[in-house]
Amino acid sequence: MHETGVSGDALHAMLHSCMEDALRLVPSAYGFRGLRAGYVVQARRNGPSTELLTRVGRRRKPQTMNVYDRAFNPADRNSVMLLGL
C-alpha cells in the first residue's frame, strides 16, 4: 500500500500499458470513463440497487450512476412498466 495516492496520470499509463501488452488494443481509444461506464452497465444488469452501486463506486449522489450507465432508460425501472400496465 502506498502512503500517498497514485496519480491519475500513473493509472492512465498503467491502463494503456496493460491494454497494449495483454489485449492488443489501441489505448488512445479508451480511458477510465469507459471503464466506469462498463462497470455501471454490467452491475445494473446483474441487479444490485442504485444505492449499493453508489456506495461501492464511492459516489455521493445516486444520480451519478445514470451518467455512467450507457444503457440507462428510466422507463425500465418504472413500476407501471414492471407491473405490465
C-alpha atoms as a PDB file:
ATOM      1  CA  MET A   1       0.000   0.000   0.000  1.00  0.00           C
ATOM      2  CA  HIS A   2       1.226   3.493  -0.825  1.00  0.00           C
ATOM      3  CA  GLU A   3       1.382   6.252   1.746  1.00  0.00           C
ATOM      4  CA  THR A   4       0.298   8.669  -0.946  1.00  0.00           C
ATOM      5  CA  GLY A   5      -2.241   8.052  -3.637  1.00  0.00           C
ATOM      6  CA  VAL A   6      -1.298   7.011  -7.134  1.00  0.00           C
ATOM      7  CA  SER A   7      -1.737   9.863  -9.572  1.00  0.00           C
ATOM      8  CA  GLY A   8      -4.327   9.786 -12.319  1.00  0.00           C
ATOM      9  CA  ASP A   9      -1.542  10.047 -14.891  1.00  0.00           C
ATOM     10  CA  ALA A  10       0.187   6.979 -13.450  1.00  0.00           C
ATOM     11  CA  LEU A  11      -3.060   4.990 -13.520  1.00  0.00           C
ATOM     12  CA  HIS A  12      -3.700   6.094 -17.079  1.00  0.00           C
ATOM     13  CA  ALA A  13      -0.205   4.957 -18.116  1.00  0.00           C
ATOM     14  CA  MET A  14      -0.704   1.581 -16.399  1.00  0.00           C
ATOM     15  CA  LEU A  15      -4.065   1.095 -18.110  1.00  0.00           C
ATOM     16  CA  HIS A  16      -2.593   1.862 -21.517  1.00  0.00           C
ATOM     17  CA  SER A  17       0.386  -0.409 -20.925  1.00  0.00           C
ATOM     18  CA  CYS A  18      -1.870  -3.326 -19.967  1.00  0.00           C
ATOM     19  CA  MET A  19      -4.099  -2.716 -22.946  1.00  0.00           C
ATOM     20  CA  GLU A  20      -1.170  -2.785 -25.355  1.00  0.00           C
ATOM     21  CA  ASP A  21       0.575  -5.773 -23.787  1.00  0.00           C
ATOM     22  CA  ALA A  22      -2.283  -8.099 -22.897  1.00  0.00           C
ATOM     23  CA  LEU A  23      -5.214  -7.106 -25.029  1.00  0.00           C
ATOM     24  CA  ARG A  24      -3.533  -5.694 -28.127  1.00  0.00           C
ATOM     25  CA  LEU A  25      -5.944  -2.764 -28.132  1.00  0.00           C
ATOM     26  CA  VAL A  26      -5.309   0.797 -29.263  1.00  0.00           C
ATOM     27  CA  PRO A  27      -5.030   2.598 -25.895  1.00  0.00           C
ATOM     28  CA  SER A  28      -5.869   6.066 -27.180  1.00  0.00           C
ATOM     29  CA  ALA A  29      -9.459   4.904 -27.758  1.00  0.00           C
ATOM     30  CA  TYR A  30     -10.011   4.025 -24.075  1.00  0.00           C
ATOM     31  CA  GLY A  31      -9.954   5.705 -20.699  1.00  0.00           C
ATOM     32  CA  PHE A  32     -11.263   5.450 -17.185  1.00  0.00           C
ATOM     33  CA  ARG A  33     -14.663   6.880 -18.034  1.00  0.00           C
ATOM     34  CA  GLY A  34     -15.266   3.899 -20.315  1.00  0.00           C
ATOM     35  CA  LEU A  35     -14.243   1.512 -17.540  1.00  0.00           C
ATOM     36  CA  ARG A  36     -16.606   3.202 -15.102  1.00  0.00           C
ATOM     37  CA  ALA A  37     -19.411   3.093 -17.646  1.00  0.00           C
ATOM     38  CA  GLY A  38     -18.807  -0.591 -18.331  1.00  0.00           C
ATOM     39  CA  TYR A  39     -18.844  -1.337 -14.612  1.00  0.00           C
ATOM     40  CA  VAL A  40     -22.129   0.501 -14.051  1.00  0.00           C
ATOM     41  CA  VAL A  41     -23.872  -1.007 -17.090  1.00  0.00           C
ATOM     42  CA  GLN A  42     -22.879  -4.563 -16.197  1.00  0.00           C
ATOM     43  CA  ALA A  43     -23.559  -4.099 -12.494  1.00  0.00           C
ATOM     44  CA  ARG A  44     -27.062  -2.808 -13.177  1.00  0.00           C
ATOM     45  CA  ARG A  45     -27.715  -5.790 -15.451  1.00  0.00           C
ATOM     46  CA  ASN A  46     -26.783  -8.025 -12.528  1.00  0.00           C
ATOM     47  CA  GLY A  47     -29.436  -6.347 -10.373  1.00  0.00           C
ATOM     48  CA  PRO A  48     -27.981  -4.551  -7.325  1.00  0.00           C
ATOM     49  CA  SER A  49     -29.679  -1.390  -6.127  1.00  0.00           C
ATOM     50  CA  THR A  50     -28.528   2.035  -7.258  1.00  0.00           C
ATOM     51  CA  GLU A  51     -27.751   2.820  -3.621  1.00  0.00           C
ATOM     52  CA  LEU A  52     -25.337  -0.110  -3.446  1.00  0.00           C
ATOM     53  CA  LEU A  53     -23.673   0.871  -6.720  1.00  0.00           C
ATOM     54  CA  THR A  54     -23.319   4.431  -5.447  1.00  0.00           C
ATOM     55  CA  ARG A  55     -21.634   3.241  -2.267  1.00  0.00           C
ATOM     56  CA  VAL A  56     -19.337   0.721  -3.978  1.00  0.00           C
ATOM     57  CA  GLY A  57     -18.420   3.257  -6.665  1.00  0.00           C
ATOM     58  CA  ARG A  58     -17.698   5.805  -3.921  1.00  0.00           C
ATOM     59  CA  ARG A  59     -20.060   8.376  -5.377  1.00  0.00           C
ATOM     60  CA  ARG A  60     -22.017  10.895  -3.345  1.00  0.00           C
ATOM     61  CA  LYS A  61     -25.149  11.086  -5.451  1.00  0.00           C
ATOM     62  CA  PRO A  62     -27.092   8.130  -6.872  1.00  0.00           C
ATOM     63  CA  GLN A  63     -27.837  10.213  -9.995  1.00  0.00           C
ATOM     64  CA  THR A  64     -24.159   9.942 -10.913  1.00  0.00           C
ATOM     65  CA  MET A  65     -24.712   6.287 -11.777  1.00  0.00           C
ATOM     66  CA  ASN A  66     -27.087   7.406 -14.539  1.00  0.00           C
ATOM     67  CA  VAL A  67     -24.323   9.494 -16.114  1.00  0.00           C
ATOM     68  CA  TYR A  68     -22.125   6.410 -16.492  1.00  0.00           C
ATOM     69  CA  ASP A  69     -24.896   3.962 -17.426  1.00  0.00           C
ATOM     70  CA  ARG A  70     -24.893   3.922 -21.219  1.00  0.00           C
ATOM     71  CA  ALA A  71     -27.987   1.704 -21.208  1.00  0.00           C
ATOM     72  CA  PHE A  72     -29.950   3.876 -18.742  1.00  0.00           C
ATOM     73  CA  ASN A  73     -33.637   4.091 -19.508  1.00  0.00           C
ATOM     74  CA  PRO A  74     -35.807   5.412 -16.654  1.00  0.00           C
ATOM     75  CA  ALA A  75     -38.898   3.720 -18.119  1.00  0.00           C
ATOM     76  CA  ASP A  76     -37.310   0.312 -17.499  1.00  0.00           C
ATOM     77  CA  ARG A  77     -37.415   0.965 -13.781  1.00  0.00           C
ATOM     78  CA  ASN A  78     -40.890   2.445 -13.766  1.00  0.00           C
ATOM     79  CA  SER A  79     -43.265   0.473 -11.522  1.00  0.00           C
ATOM     80  CA  VAL A  80     -46.028   0.699 -14.118  1.00  0.00           C
ATOM     81  CA  MET A  81     -43.780  -0.949 -16.711  1.00  0.00           C
ATOM     82  CA  LEU A  82     -42.711  -3.636 -14.231  1.00  0.00           C
ATOM     83  CA  LEU A  83     -46.343  -4.462 -13.482  1.00  0.00           C
ATOM     84  CA  GLY A  84     -47.147  -4.743 -17.163  1.00  0.00           C
ATOM     85  CA  LEU A  85     -49.758  -1.987 -17.072  1.00  0.00           C
END
